[in-house]
Amino acid sequence: MITLTRLSGQAFVLNSDLIERVDSTPDSVVTLVDGKKYVVKESLTEIIDAVREYRSTLIAVTSMIAEKPPQSPDRRLAPVSTIERGED
């Protein structure tokens, strides 16, 4: 999700995966895949940078999660059948 600003000054958050294109005419117009359009204060470059930052953050966090060693089993997360038999 990226934060953008309407021309009125109101900030909103947009799912960047839904962006089809961004036009600069001279205001930036963000067109979504469903055809909805948003006119925003941010420049074309600022929007591209925001999307890049968001996606790179997702990749970095996913990588960190994948590298974490597994934690010790938690009895609360064990299957019911295991708990009923008194196994750990």
Protein backbone atom coordinates (compact mmCIF):
# COMPACT_ATOMS: atom_id res chain seq x y z
CA MET A 1 0.00 0.00 0.00
CA ILE A 2 1.23 3.49 -0.78
CA THR A 3 0.10 6.81 0.63
CA LEU A 4 -0.97 9.45 -1.86
CA THR A 5 -2.55 12.90 -1.54
CA ARG A 6 -5.67 14.12 -3.33
CA LEU A 7 -5.54 17.65 -4.77
CA SER A 8 -7.77 18.70 -1.85
CA GLY A 9 -4.93 17.77 0.51
CA GLN A 10 -6.59 14.63 1.89
CA ALA A 11 -4.20 11.68 2.20
CA PHE A 12 -5.33 8.17 1.29
CA VAL A 13 -3.76 4.74 0.96
CA LEU A 14 -3.85 2.87 -2.33
CA ASN A 15 -3.14 -0.77 -3.10
CA SER A 16 -0.32 -0.32 -5.61
CA ASP A 17 -0.97 -3.78 -7.10
CA LEU A 18 -4.15 -2.34 -8.64
CA ILE A 19 -2.39 0.44 -10.59
CA GLU A 20 -2.67 0.02 -14.34
CA ARG A 21 -0.94 3.25 -15.31
CA VAL A 22 0.02 6.73 -14.11
CA ASP A 23 -0.30 9.75 -16.40
CA SER A 24 1.17 13.19 -15.86
CA THR A 25 -1.03 15.74 -17.62
CA PRO A 26 0.16 18.05 -15.76
CA ASP A 27 -1.46 16.61 -12.59
CA SER A 28 -0.70 12.96 -11.89
CA VAL A 29 -3.64 10.70 -12.70
CA VAL A 30 -3.49 7.17 -11.30
CA THR A 31 -5.69 4.73 -13.24
CA LEU A 32 -6.54 1.42 -11.60
CA VAL A 33 -7.21 -1.87 -13.38
CA ASP A 34 -10.97 -1.40 -12.84
CA GLY A 35 -10.86 2.00 -14.59
CA LYS A 36 -11.17 4.13 -11.44
CA LYS A 37 -8.99 7.25 -11.54
CA TYR A 38 -7.37 9.34 -8.83
CA VAL A 39 -5.85 12.77 -9.40
CA VAL A 40 -3.03 13.22 -6.90
CA LYS A 41 -0.44 15.81 -5.85
CA GLU A 42 2.54 13.46 -6.08
CA SER A 43 4.61 13.56 -9.24
CA LEU A 44 5.05 10.59 -11.54
CA THR A 45 8.53 10.01 -10.10
CA GLU A 46 7.28 10.17 -6.50
CA ILE A 47 4.59 7.58 -7.25
CA ILE A 48 7.10 5.25 -8.91
CA ASP A 49 9.48 5.65 -5.96
CA ALA A 50 6.67 4.89 -3.48
CA VAL A 51 5.73 1.70 -5.35
CA ARG A 52 9.38 0.61 -5.56
CA GLU A 53 9.91 1.25 -1.84
CA TYR A 54 6.75 -0.65 -0.91
CA ARG A 55 7.61 -3.66 -3.06
CA SER A 56 11.23 -3.76 -1.92
CA THR A 57 10.03 -3.67 1.70
CA LEU A 58 7.76 -6.65 1.00
CA ILE A 59 10.64 -8.60 -0.50
CA ALA A 60 12.95 -7.75 2.41
CA VAL A 61 10.39 -8.73 5.06
CA THR A 62 9.56 -11.97 3.22
CA SER A 63 13.25 -12.80 3.05
CA MET A 64 13.70 -12.14 6.77
CA ILE A 65 10.73 -14.37 7.61
CA ALA A 66 12.04 -17.17 5.40
CA GLU A 67 15.45 -17.04 7.11
CA LYS A 68 14.08 -17.22 10.66
CA PRO A 69 14.79 -20.55 12.37
CA PRO A 70 11.68 -22.48 13.36
CA GLN A 71 10.55 -21.83 16.91
CA SER A 72 9.90 -24.57 19.43
CA PRO A 73 6.49 -26.17 19.08
CA ASP A 74 3.71 -24.50 21.00
CA ARG A 75 1.22 -26.84 22.64
CA ARG A 76 -1.57 -24.35 21.87
CA LEU A 77 -0.87 -24.83 18.16
CA ALA A 78 -0.68 -28.64 18.27
CA PRO A 79 -3.39 -30.64 16.49
CA VAL A 80 -6.33 -31.54 18.71
CA SER A 81 -5.74 -35.28 18.27
CA THR A 82 -2.20 -34.91 19.69
CA ILE A 83 -3.40 -32.98 22.74
CA GLU A 84 -6.21 -35.45 23.41
CA ARG A 85 -3.69 -38.33 23.52
CA GLY A 86 -1.47 -36.37 25.91
CA GLU A 87 1.46 -36.29 23.48
CA ASP A 88 3.81 -33.33 23.05
